[in-house]
Amino acid sequence: MPLKYFLPLYLFAYFCAAFFWRSFVVWKRTGVNPIVFKGSDDAHDFIGRIFTLLFALIVGVVLVYSFWSSLYIYLMPIEWLEYSWLRLTGIVLLLSSLVWTVIAQAQMGESWRIGIDQSHRTNLVQSGVFSLSRNPIFLGMMLTLFGLFLVIPNALTLLTLGLGVLLIQIQVRLEEEFLARTHGEEYILYRRRVRRWI
């Protein structure tokens, strides 16, 4: 399948599987909206707004690459990275990270949230891929951003990779502080046993 079709289809599948479907399942099972970013001016919600802009930028880059190829030159392609083996590596990363993320979300069950939910206490998931990484979903997101950069290396995919990794590093630390307050010794022992990433 040509990349110009694969990438939009991949993004659609990623957003549906990684965000909308799991959020819908949790909402139907619990009645709780798992998307907990609000409109406040605190650091947590500010990061949520930047994440939204980041996702919009990614969609824009893919749409330009796929449907307005004459404009792609303005995204400043990094031509010395345009090797078929790097592109193939990126595709493998994209597909692997999607599968990894979906598995991690399924293993979170009803504890799945987008953001920090201070209103509803959730279980601390420690089994499955969470026994390998404390943040497997964020790890999957970073692999997705890196894979996209390898598939279409340009200034904006490099920007989304750098900004995405920075935002994820901040968000993870906010969540770790929250989990330590919420779960206390249980989380501290888990943190000692399992690495942040892998």
N, C-alpha and C. Protein backbone atom coordinates (compact mmCIF):
# COMPACT_ATOMS: atom_id res chain seq x y z
N MET A 1 0.84 -1.19 0.00
CA MET A 1 0.00 0.00 0.00
C MET A 1 0.88 1.24 0.00
N PRO A 2 0.63 2.20 -0.90
CA PRO A 2 1.43 3.43 -0.91
C PRO A 2 1.32 4.19 0.41
N LEU A 3 2.41 4.85 0.78
CA LEU A 3 2.44 5.59 2.05
C LEU A 3 1.36 6.65 2.13
N LYS A 4 1.02 7.27 1.00
CA LYS A 4 0.05 8.36 1.04
C LYS A 4 -1.34 7.85 1.45
N TYR A 5 -1.58 6.55 1.31
CA TYR A 5 -2.82 5.96 1.81
C TYR A 5 -2.63 5.34 3.19
N PHE A 6 -1.46 4.72 3.39
CA PHE A 6 -1.19 4.05 4.66
C PHE A 6 -1.22 5.03 5.84
N LEU A 7 -0.57 6.18 5.70
CA LEU A 7 -0.45 7.09 6.84
C LEU A 7 -1.79 7.65 7.32
N PRO A 8 -2.66 8.14 6.44
CA PRO A 8 -3.97 8.60 6.94
C PRO A 8 -4.79 7.47 7.56
N LEU A 9 -4.73 6.28 6.95
CA LEU A 9 -5.46 5.14 7.51
C LEU A 9 -4.89 4.75 8.88
N TYR A 10 -3.57 4.81 8.98
CA TYR A 10 -2.92 4.49 10.25
C TYR A 10 -3.36 5.48 11.33
N LEU A 11 -3.31 6.78 11.01
CA LEU A 11 -3.71 7.78 12.00
C LEU A 11 -5.15 7.59 12.44
N PHE A 12 -6.02 7.31 11.47
CA PHE A 12 -7.43 7.09 11.80
C PHE A 12 -7.56 5.89 12.75
N ALA A 13 -6.88 4.79 12.41
CA ALA A 13 -6.93 3.60 13.25
C ALA A 13 -6.33 3.88 14.63
N TYR A 14 -5.23 4.64 14.67
CA TYR A 14 -4.57 4.94 15.94
C TYR A 14 -5.47 5.76 16.85
N PHE A 15 -6.05 6.83 16.32
CA PHE A 15 -6.89 7.68 17.14
C PHE A 15 -8.15 6.93 17.59
N CYS A 16 -8.73 6.14 16.70
CA CYS A 16 -9.92 5.36 17.08
C CYS A 16 -9.59 4.34 18.15
N ALA A 17 -8.53 3.57 17.93
CA ALA A 17 -8.19 2.48 18.86
C ALA A 17 -7.59 3.01 20.15
N ALA A 18 -6.68 3.98 20.04
CA ALA A 18 -5.92 4.42 21.21
C ALA A 18 -6.66 5.44 22.07
N PHE A 19 -7.60 6.15 21.51
CA PHE A 19 -8.28 7.19 22.30
C PHE A 19 -9.78 7.00 22.37
N PHE A 20 -10.45 6.98 21.22
CA PHE A 20 -11.91 7.01 21.23
C PHE A 20 -12.53 5.70 21.71
N TRP A 21 -12.08 4.56 21.16
CA TRP A 21 -12.72 3.30 21.51
C TRP A 21 -12.54 2.96 22.98
N ARG A 22 -11.31 3.03 23.49
CA ARG A 22 -11.09 2.69 24.89
C ARG A 22 -11.83 3.65 25.80
N SER A 23 -11.87 4.93 25.45
CA SER A 23 -12.61 5.91 26.26
C SER A 23 -14.09 5.58 26.28
N PHE A 24 -14.63 5.18 25.11
CA PHE A 24 -16.04 4.82 25.02
C PHE A 24 -16.34 3.59 25.87
N VAL A 25 -15.47 2.59 25.80
CA VAL A 25 -15.67 1.35 26.57
C VAL A 25 -15.68 1.66 28.07
N VAL A 26 -14.73 2.46 28.55
CA VAL A 26 -14.67 2.79 29.97
C VAL A 26 -15.90 3.59 30.39
N TRP A 27 -16.31 4.52 29.56
CA TRP A 27 -17.50 5.32 29.87
C TRP A 27 -18.75 4.45 29.96
N LYS A 28 -18.90 3.51 29.02
CA LYS A 28 -20.08 2.63 29.03
C LYS A 28 -20.08 1.71 30.25
N ARG A 29 -18.90 1.25 30.66
CA ARG A 29 -18.82 0.31 31.79
C ARG A 29 -18.98 1.00 33.13
N THR A 30 -18.47 2.22 33.24
CA THR A 30 -18.40 2.87 34.55
C THR A 30 -19.29 4.10 34.68
N GLY A 31 -19.68 4.70 33.55
CA GLY A 31 -20.41 5.96 33.59
C GLY A 31 -19.51 7.15 33.84
N VAL A 32 -18.20 6.90 33.91
CA VAL A 32 -17.22 7.96 34.16
C VAL A 32 -16.57 8.36 32.84
N ASN A 33 -16.51 9.65 32.58
CA ASN A 33 -15.80 10.14 31.39
C ASN A 33 -14.30 10.02 31.66
N PRO A 34 -13.59 9.17 30.90
CA PRO A 34 -12.16 8.98 31.18
C PRO A 34 -11.28 10.11 30.66
N ILE A 35 -11.85 11.04 29.92
CA ILE A 35 -11.07 12.19 29.43
C ILE A 35 -11.20 13.28 30.48
N VAL A 36 -10.13 13.49 31.25
CA VAL A 36 -10.23 14.35 32.42
C VAL A 36 -9.48 15.67 32.28
N PHE A 37 -8.98 15.97 31.09
CA PHE A 37 -8.45 17.31 30.88
C PHE A 37 -9.61 18.30 30.85
N LYS A 38 -9.50 19.35 31.62
CA LYS A 38 -10.57 20.35 31.69
C LYS A 38 -10.09 21.64 31.02
N GLY A 39 -10.74 22.72 31.32
CA GLY A 39 -10.36 23.98 30.71
C GLY A 39 -9.67 24.93 31.66
N SER A 40 -9.14 24.41 32.77
CA SER A 40 -8.52 25.29 33.77
C SER A 40 -7.15 25.78 33.28
N ASP A 41 -6.54 26.60 34.11
CA ASP A 41 -5.26 27.20 33.74
C ASP A 41 -4.09 26.54 34.47
N ASP A 42 -4.31 25.36 35.07
CA ASP A 42 -3.20 24.72 35.77
C ASP A 42 -2.28 24.01 34.78
N ALA A 43 -1.15 23.51 35.29
CA ALA A 43 -0.14 22.90 34.42
C ALA A 43 -0.67 21.68 33.70
N HIS A 44 -1.46 20.87 34.39
CA HIS A 44 -2.00 19.64 33.80
C HIS A 44 -2.87 19.95 32.59
N ASP A 45 -3.80 20.88 32.72
CA ASP A 45 -4.70 21.20 31.61
C ASP A 45 -3.98 21.96 30.50
N PHE A 46 -2.96 22.73 30.87
CA PHE A 46 -2.17 23.41 29.84
C PHE A 46 -1.47 22.38 28.96
N ILE A 47 -0.91 21.34 29.58
CA ILE A 47 -0.27 20.28 28.80
C ILE A 47 -1.30 19.59 27.90
N GLY A 48 -2.51 19.40 28.41
CA GLY A 48 -3.57 18.80 27.60
C GLY A 48 -3.85 19.61 26.35
N ARG A 49 -3.86 20.94 26.47
CA ARG A 49 -4.10 21.79 25.30
C ARG A 49 -2.94 21.70 24.30
N ILE A 50 -1.71 21.63 24.81
CA ILE A 50 -0.56 21.51 23.91
C ILE A 50 -0.58 20.14 23.21
N PHE A 51 -0.99 19.09 23.94
CA PHE A 51 -1.14 17.77 23.30
C PHE A 51 -2.14 17.85 22.14
N THR A 52 -3.24 18.55 22.35
CA THR A 52 -4.25 18.68 21.30
C THR A 52 -3.66 19.37 20.07
N LEU A 53 -2.89 20.43 20.29
CA LEU A 53 -2.24 21.12 19.17
C LEU A 53 -1.23 20.22 18.48
N LEU A 54 -0.53 19.43 19.26
CA LEU A 54 0.45 18.49 18.70
C LEU A 54 -0.23 17.48 17.79
N PHE A 55 -1.35 16.92 18.26
CA PHE A 55 -2.07 15.95 17.44
C PHE A 55 -2.60 16.59 16.16
N ALA A 56 -3.08 17.83 16.27
CA ALA A 56 -3.56 18.55 15.08
C ALA A 56 -2.43 18.76 14.09
N LEU A 57 -1.25 19.08 14.60
CA LEU A 57 -0.08 19.28 13.73
C LEU A 57 0.29 17.98 13.01
N ILE A 58 0.24 16.87 13.73
CA ILE A 58 0.55 15.58 13.13
C ILE A 58 -0.44 15.26 12.01
N VAL A 59 -1.71 15.47 12.27
CA VAL A 59 -2.73 15.22 11.24
C VAL A 59 -2.48 16.12 10.04
N GLY A 60 -2.15 17.38 10.29
CA GLY A 60 -1.88 18.31 9.20
C GLY A 60 -0.70 17.87 8.34
N VAL A 61 0.37 17.43 8.98
CA VAL A 61 1.55 16.98 8.24
C VAL A 61 1.21 15.78 7.37
N VAL A 62 0.49 14.83 7.92
CA VAL A 62 0.13 13.62 7.16
C VAL A 62 -0.79 13.97 6.00
N LEU A 63 -1.73 14.87 6.22
CA LEU A 63 -2.64 15.25 5.13
C LEU A 63 -1.89 15.97 4.01
N VAL A 64 -0.96 16.84 4.37
CA VAL A 64 -0.16 17.52 3.34
C VAL A 64 0.65 16.49 2.56
N TYR A 65 1.31 15.57 3.28
CA TYR A 65 2.12 14.55 2.60
C TYR A 65 1.26 13.70 1.66
N SER A 66 0.07 13.34 2.11
CA SER A 66 -0.76 12.39 1.36
C SER A 66 -1.58 13.02 0.25
N PHE A 67 -2.06 14.25 0.46
CA PHE A 67 -3.04 14.80 -0.47
C PHE A 67 -2.62 16.11 -1.12
N TRP A 68 -1.63 16.78 -0.58
CA TRP A 68 -1.15 18.03 -1.18
C TRP A 68 0.37 17.96 -1.31
N SER A 69 0.83 16.96 -2.05
CA SER A 69 2.27 16.70 -2.15
C SER A 69 3.05 17.90 -2.68
N SER A 70 2.41 18.77 -3.45
CA SER A 70 3.12 19.94 -3.97
C SER A 70 3.52 20.90 -2.84
N LEU A 71 2.81 20.80 -1.70
CA LEU A 71 3.12 21.67 -0.56
C LEU A 71 4.12 21.03 0.40
N TYR A 72 4.41 19.76 0.18
CA TYR A 72 5.26 19.04 1.14
C TYR A 72 6.65 19.65 1.26
N ILE A 73 7.14 20.25 0.20
CA ILE A 73 8.47 20.87 0.22
C ILE A 73 8.56 21.95 1.30
N TYR A 74 7.41 22.58 1.64
CA TYR A 74 7.41 23.64 2.65
C TYR A 74 7.53 23.09 4.07
N LEU A 75 7.40 21.77 4.21
CA LEU A 75 7.61 21.14 5.53
C LEU A 75 9.08 20.84 5.78
N MET A 76 9.92 21.25 4.82
CA MET A 76 11.37 21.09 4.91
C MET A 76 11.79 19.64 5.12
N PRO A 77 11.59 18.80 4.08
CA PRO A 77 12.00 17.39 4.18
C PRO A 77 13.50 17.26 4.47
N ILE A 78 13.84 16.28 5.26
CA ILE A 78 15.24 15.98 5.59
C ILE A 78 15.67 14.86 4.65
N GLU A 79 16.14 15.23 3.50
CA GLU A 79 16.36 14.28 2.41
C GLU A 79 17.44 13.25 2.73
N TRP A 80 18.43 13.60 3.53
CA TRP A 80 19.49 12.65 3.83
C TRP A 80 19.04 11.53 4.76
N LEU A 81 17.78 11.58 5.24
CA LEU A 81 17.21 10.49 6.03
C LEU A 81 16.19 9.67 5.23
N GLU A 82 16.02 10.00 3.98
CA GLU A 82 15.00 9.32 3.16
C GLU A 82 15.58 8.05 2.52
N TYR A 83 15.79 7.05 3.37
CA TYR A 83 16.23 5.73 2.93
C TYR A 83 15.10 4.74 3.12
N SER A 84 15.01 3.78 2.22
CA SER A 84 13.92 2.82 2.29
C SER A 84 13.98 1.99 3.58
N TRP A 85 15.20 1.65 4.04
CA TRP A 85 15.30 0.84 5.26
C TRP A 85 14.87 1.63 6.50
N LEU A 86 15.12 2.96 6.51
CA LEU A 86 14.64 3.79 7.61
C LEU A 86 13.13 3.91 7.57
N ARG A 87 12.59 4.06 6.36
CA ARG A 87 11.14 4.15 6.20
C ARG A 87 10.47 2.85 6.67
N LEU A 88 11.06 1.72 6.30
CA LEU A 88 10.51 0.43 6.73
C LEU A 88 10.59 0.28 8.24
N THR A 89 11.71 0.72 8.82
CA THR A 89 11.84 0.69 10.29
C THR A 89 10.75 1.53 10.93
N GLY A 90 10.48 2.69 10.35
CA GLY A 90 9.42 3.55 10.87
C GLY A 90 8.05 2.90 10.79
N ILE A 91 7.77 2.23 9.70
CA ILE A 91 6.48 1.55 9.55
C ILE A 91 6.33 0.44 10.60
N VAL A 92 7.41 -0.32 10.81
CA VAL A 92 7.38 -1.37 11.84
C VAL A 92 7.14 -0.76 13.21
N LEU A 93 7.79 0.37 13.50
CA LEU A 93 7.57 1.04 14.78
C LEU A 93 6.12 1.51 14.92
N LEU A 94 5.57 2.08 13.86
CA LEU A 94 4.18 2.55 13.91
C LEU A 94 3.23 1.41 14.22
N LEU A 95 3.36 0.31 13.50
CA LEU A 95 2.45 -0.81 13.70
C LEU A 95 2.66 -1.46 15.06
N SER A 96 3.93 -1.63 15.46
CA SER A 96 4.22 -2.24 16.77
C SER A 96 3.70 -1.38 17.91
N SER A 97 3.90 -0.08 17.81
CA SER A 97 3.46 0.81 18.88
C SER A 97 1.94 0.84 19.00
N LEU A 98 1.24 0.71 17.88
CA LEU A 98 -0.22 0.67 17.94
C LEU A 98 -0.69 -0.59 18.67
N VAL A 99 -0.12 -1.74 18.32
CA VAL A 99 -0.49 -3.00 18.98
C VAL A 99 -0.15 -2.92 20.47
N TRP A 100 1.06 -2.44 20.78
CA TRP A 100 1.51 -2.31 22.18
C TRP A 100 0.56 -1.41 22.97
N THR A 101 0.18 -0.28 22.39
CA THR A 101 -0.70 0.67 23.08
C THR A 101 -2.08 0.08 23.33
N VAL A 102 -2.64 -0.59 22.34
CA VAL A 102 -3.96 -1.19 22.49
C VAL A 102 -3.94 -2.27 23.57
N ILE A 103 -2.88 -3.08 23.60
CA ILE A 103 -2.74 -4.11 24.65
C ILE A 103 -2.66 -3.46 26.02
N ALA A 104 -1.85 -2.41 26.14
CA ALA A 104 -1.69 -1.73 27.43
C ALA A 104 -3.01 -1.13 27.89
N GLN A 105 -3.75 -0.53 26.98
CA GLN A 105 -5.04 0.06 27.36
C GLN A 105 -6.03 -1.00 27.81
N ALA A 106 -6.05 -2.13 27.09
CA ALA A 106 -6.95 -3.22 27.47
C ALA A 106 -6.59 -3.73 28.86
N GLN A 107 -5.30 -3.81 29.16
CA GLN A 107 -4.87 -4.30 30.46
C GLN A 107 -5.14 -3.29 31.57
N MET A 108 -5.26 -2.01 31.23
CA MET A 108 -5.65 -1.01 32.23
C MET A 108 -7.10 -1.18 32.65
N GLY A 109 -7.91 -1.70 31.73
CA GLY A 109 -9.32 -1.90 32.05
C GLY A 109 -10.02 -0.60 32.39
N GLU A 110 -10.73 -0.61 33.51
CA GLU A 110 -11.51 0.57 33.90
C GLU A 110 -10.65 1.66 34.52
N SER A 111 -9.36 1.41 34.69
CA SER A 111 -8.45 2.44 35.20
C SER A 111 -7.96 3.38 34.10
N TRP A 112 -8.30 3.09 32.84
CA TRP A 112 -7.86 3.92 31.72
C TRP A 112 -8.37 5.35 31.87
N ARG A 113 -7.46 6.30 31.76
CA ARG A 113 -7.81 7.72 31.78
C ARG A 113 -6.93 8.47 30.80
N ILE A 114 -7.45 9.57 30.28
CA ILE A 114 -6.64 10.52 29.52
C ILE A 114 -6.50 11.74 30.42
N GLY A 115 -5.38 11.83 31.09
CA GLY A 115 -5.17 12.89 32.08
C GLY A 115 -5.21 12.32 33.49
N ILE A 116 -5.19 13.19 34.47
CA ILE A 116 -5.16 12.80 35.88
C ILE A 116 -6.56 12.98 36.47
N ASP A 117 -7.16 11.87 36.86
CA ASP A 117 -8.51 11.89 37.41
C ASP A 117 -8.44 11.97 38.93
N GLN A 118 -8.70 13.16 39.46
CA GLN A 118 -8.65 13.34 40.91
C GLN A 118 -10.01 13.10 41.57
N SER A 119 -11.03 12.85 40.74
CA SER A 119 -12.38 12.67 41.28
C SER A 119 -12.75 11.22 41.52
N HIS A 120 -12.11 10.30 40.78
CA HIS A 120 -12.46 8.88 40.89
C HIS A 120 -11.18 8.06 41.10
N ARG A 121 -11.12 7.37 42.21
CA ARG A 121 -9.95 6.53 42.49
C ARG A 121 -9.96 5.30 41.59
N THR A 122 -8.83 5.01 40.98
CA THR A 122 -8.71 3.84 40.11
C THR A 122 -7.68 2.88 40.70
N ASN A 123 -7.75 1.62 40.25
CA ASN A 123 -6.78 0.62 40.70
C ASN A 123 -5.41 0.90 40.10
N LEU A 124 -4.37 0.51 40.82
CA LEU A 124 -3.01 0.61 40.32
C LEU A 124 -2.70 -0.67 39.54
N VAL A 125 -2.61 -0.56 38.23
CA VAL A 125 -2.37 -1.73 37.38
C VAL A 125 -0.88 -2.03 37.38
N GLN A 126 -0.53 -3.29 37.71
CA GLN A 126 0.88 -3.66 37.81
C GLN A 126 1.23 -4.92 37.01
N SER A 127 0.24 -5.50 36.36
CA SER A 127 0.46 -6.76 35.64
C SER A 127 0.53 -6.53 34.13
N GLY A 128 0.79 -7.60 33.39
CA GLY A 128 0.88 -7.50 31.93
C GLY A 128 2.05 -6.63 31.52
N VAL A 129 1.83 -5.75 30.54
CA VAL A 129 2.93 -4.89 30.09
C VAL A 129 3.32 -3.87 31.16
N PHE A 130 2.43 -3.67 32.15
CA PHE A 130 2.76 -2.76 33.24
C PHE A 130 3.78 -3.36 34.21
N SER A 131 4.08 -4.64 34.05
CA SER A 131 5.16 -5.25 34.82
C SER A 131 6.51 -5.03 34.12
N LEU A 132 6.47 -4.54 32.88
CA LEU A 132 7.68 -4.24 32.12
C LEU A 132 7.97 -2.75 32.09
N SER A 133 6.92 -1.94 32.11
CA SER A 133 7.05 -0.49 32.01
C SER A 133 5.95 0.16 32.85
N ARG A 134 6.31 1.20 33.61
CA ARG A 134 5.29 1.89 34.39
C ARG A 134 4.41 2.76 33.50
N ASN A 135 4.90 3.07 32.31
CA ASN A 135 4.17 3.96 31.40
C ASN A 135 4.14 3.41 29.98
N PRO A 136 3.57 2.23 29.79
CA PRO A 136 3.63 1.62 28.46
C PRO A 136 2.88 2.39 27.38
N ILE A 137 1.82 3.07 27.75
CA ILE A 137 1.06 3.82 26.74
C ILE A 137 1.86 5.03 26.27
N PHE A 138 2.46 5.74 27.19
CA PHE A 138 3.31 6.86 26.81
C PHE A 138 4.53 6.39 26.03
N LEU A 139 5.06 5.23 26.40
CA LEU A 139 6.17 4.66 25.64
C LEU A 139 5.72 4.38 24.21
N GLY A 140 4.53 3.82 24.05
CA GLY A 140 3.98 3.58 22.72
C GLY A 140 3.80 4.86 21.93
N MET A 141 3.36 5.92 22.60
CA MET A 141 3.19 7.21 21.92
C MET A 141 4.52 7.75 21.41
N MET A 142 5.57 7.63 22.22
CA MET A 142 6.87 8.12 21.78
C MET A 142 7.39 7.31 20.60
N LEU A 143 7.16 6.00 20.63
CA LEU A 143 7.58 5.17 19.50
C LEU A 143 6.79 5.53 18.24
N THR A 144 5.53 5.89 18.40
CA THR A 144 4.72 6.33 17.27
C THR A 144 5.29 7.60 16.65
N LEU A 145 5.64 8.56 17.49
CA LEU A 145 6.20 9.81 16.99
C LEU A 145 7.54 9.58 16.29
N PHE A 146 8.36 8.70 16.86
CA PHE A 146 9.66 8.39 16.25
C PHE A 146 9.46 7.66 14.92
N GLY A 147 8.51 6.72 14.91
CA GLY A 147 8.22 6.00 13.67
C GLY A 147 7.74 6.92 12.57
N LEU A 148 6.86 7.87 12.92
CA LEU A 148 6.36 8.83 11.92
C LEU A 148 7.51 9.67 11.37
N PHE A 149 8.43 10.07 12.24
CA PHE A 149 9.57 10.85 11.79
C PHE A 149 10.43 10.05 10.81
N LEU A 150 10.63 8.77 11.09
CA LEU A 150 11.43 7.95 10.18
C LEU A 150 10.73 7.74 8.83
N VAL A 151 9.41 7.65 8.86
CA VAL A 151 8.66 7.42 7.62
C VAL A 151 8.66 8.68 6.75
N ILE A 152 8.38 9.82 7.36
CA ILE A 152 8.41 11.09 6.60
C ILE A 152 9.25 12.10 7.38
N PRO A 153 10.56 12.00 7.25
CA PRO A 153 11.44 12.91 8.00
C PRO A 153 11.40 14.33 7.44
N ASN A 154 10.93 15.24 8.26
CA ASN A 154 10.90 16.65 7.88
C ASN A 154 10.93 17.49 9.14
N ALA A 155 10.98 18.80 8.97
CA ALA A 155 11.13 19.69 10.12
C ALA A 155 9.95 19.56 11.09
N LEU A 156 8.74 19.36 10.57
CA LEU A 156 7.58 19.31 11.47
C LEU A 156 7.45 17.98 12.19
N THR A 157 7.80 16.87 11.51
CA THR A 157 7.76 15.60 12.26
C THR A 157 8.88 15.55 13.30
N LEU A 158 10.00 16.23 13.02
CA LEU A 158 11.06 16.34 14.03
C LEU A 158 10.58 17.20 15.20
N LEU A 159 9.86 18.29 14.89
CA LEU A 159 9.30 19.15 15.94
C LEU A 159 8.29 18.38 16.79
N THR A 160 7.40 17.62 16.15
CA THR A 160 6.40 16.88 16.91
C THR A 160 7.06 15.79 17.77
N LEU A 161 8.13 15.19 17.27
CA LEU A 161 8.86 14.21 18.06
C LEU A 161 9.47 14.86 19.30
N GLY A 162 10.18 15.95 19.11
CA GLY A 162 10.82 16.62 20.24
C GLY A 162 9.81 17.16 21.24
N LEU A 163 8.79 17.84 20.74
CA LEU A 163 7.77 18.42 21.62
C LEU A 163 6.97 17.32 22.31
N GLY A 164 6.65 16.26 21.57
CA GLY A 164 5.90 15.16 22.16
C GLY A 164 6.64 14.49 23.28
N VAL A 165 7.92 14.21 23.07
CA VAL A 165 8.73 13.58 24.13
C VAL A 165 8.80 14.49 25.35
N LEU A 166 8.98 15.79 25.14
CA LEU A 166 9.04 16.74 26.26
C LEU A 166 7.73 16.76 27.05
N LEU A 167 6.60 16.85 26.34
CA LEU A 167 5.30 16.88 27.01
C LEU A 167 5.04 15.59 27.77
N ILE A 168 5.40 14.46 27.16
CA ILE A 168 5.19 13.17 27.81
C ILE A 168 6.04 13.07 29.07
N GLN A 169 7.29 13.54 29.02
CA GLN A 169 8.15 13.50 30.20
C GLN A 169 7.54 14.32 31.34
N ILE A 170 6.97 15.47 31.02
CA ILE A 170 6.34 16.31 32.06
C ILE A 170 5.08 15.64 32.59
N GLN A 171 4.22 15.15 31.68
CA GLN A 171 2.97 14.53 32.08
C GLN A 171 3.22 13.30 32.96
N VAL A 172 4.20 12.49 32.59
CA VAL A 172 4.52 11.29 33.37
C VAL A 172 4.90 11.67 34.80
N ARG A 173 5.68 12.71 34.96
CA ARG A 173 6.10 13.11 36.30
C ARG A 173 4.92 13.66 37.12
N LEU A 174 4.01 14.36 36.48
CA LEU A 174 2.80 14.80 37.17
C LEU A 174 1.97 13.60 37.61
N GLU A 175 1.85 12.62 36.74
CA GLU A 175 1.07 11.43 37.07
C GLU A 175 1.74 10.61 38.16
N GLU A 176 3.07 10.53 38.15
CA GLU A 176 3.78 9.78 39.18
C GLU A 176 3.57 10.41 40.56
N GLU A 177 3.61 11.74 40.63
CA GLU A 177 3.36 12.41 41.90
C GLU A 177 1.94 12.12 42.39
N PHE A 178 0.98 12.15 41.46
CA PHE A 178 -0.41 11.86 41.82
C PHE A 178 -0.56 10.43 42.30
N LEU A 179 0.04 9.48 41.59
CA LEU A 179 -0.07 8.07 41.97
C LEU A 179 0.58 7.81 43.32
N ALA A 180 1.70 8.47 43.59
CA ALA A 180 2.36 8.30 44.89
C ALA A 180 1.46 8.81 46.02
N ARG A 181 0.78 9.94 45.78
CA ARG A 181 -0.13 10.47 46.80
C ARG A 181 -1.35 9.56 46.98
N THR A 182 -1.84 9.02 45.87
CA THR A 182 -3.07 8.24 45.90
C THR A 182 -2.86 6.83 46.44
N HIS A 183 -1.80 6.17 45.99
CA HIS A 183 -1.59 4.76 46.33
C HIS A 183 -0.50 4.53 47.37
N GLY A 184 0.22 5.58 47.71
CA GLY A 184 1.18 5.49 48.81
C GLY A 184 2.23 4.41 48.62
N GLU A 185 2.38 3.58 49.65
CA GLU A 185 3.44 2.58 49.68
C GLU A 185 3.33 1.58 48.53
N GLU A 186 2.11 1.27 48.11
CA GLU A 186 1.91 0.33 47.00
C GLU A 186 2.59 0.85 45.73
N TYR A 187 2.42 2.14 45.47
CA TYR A 187 3.04 2.71 44.27
C TYR A 187 4.55 2.84 44.44
N ILE A 188 5.00 3.18 45.62
CA ILE A 188 6.44 3.32 45.86
C ILE A 188 7.15 1.99 45.62
N LEU A 189 6.56 0.89 46.08
CA LEU A 189 7.14 -0.43 45.85
C LEU A 189 7.11 -0.79 44.37
N TYR A 190 6.02 -0.45 43.70
CA TYR A 190 5.91 -0.70 42.26
C TYR A 190 6.96 0.10 41.50
N ARG A 191 7.16 1.35 41.90
CA ARG A 191 8.14 2.21 41.24
C ARG A 191 9.56 1.68 41.41
N ARG A 192 9.83 1.07 42.54
CA ARG A 192 11.16 0.48 42.77
C ARG A 192 11.36 -0.76 41.91
N ARG A 193 10.29 -1.47 41.67
CA ARG A 193 10.38 -2.76 40.97
C ARG A 193 10.38 -2.62 39.45
N VAL A 194 9.67 -1.63 38.91
CA VAL A 194 9.48 -1.49 37.47
C VAL A 194 10.01 -0.14 37.01
N ARG A 195 10.75 -0.17 35.90
CA ARG A 195 11.32 1.07 35.35
C ARG A 195 10.24 1.99 34.80
N ARG A 196 10.58 3.25 34.69
CA ARG A 196 9.65 4.23 34.14
C ARG A 196 9.27 3.89 32.71
N TRP A 197 10.26 3.48 31.92
CA TRP A 197 9.99 3.19 30.51
C TRP A 197 10.09 1.71 30.21
N ILE A 198 11.26 1.13 30.26
CA ILE A 198 11.38 -0.32 30.02
C ILE A 198 12.76 -0.81 30.46
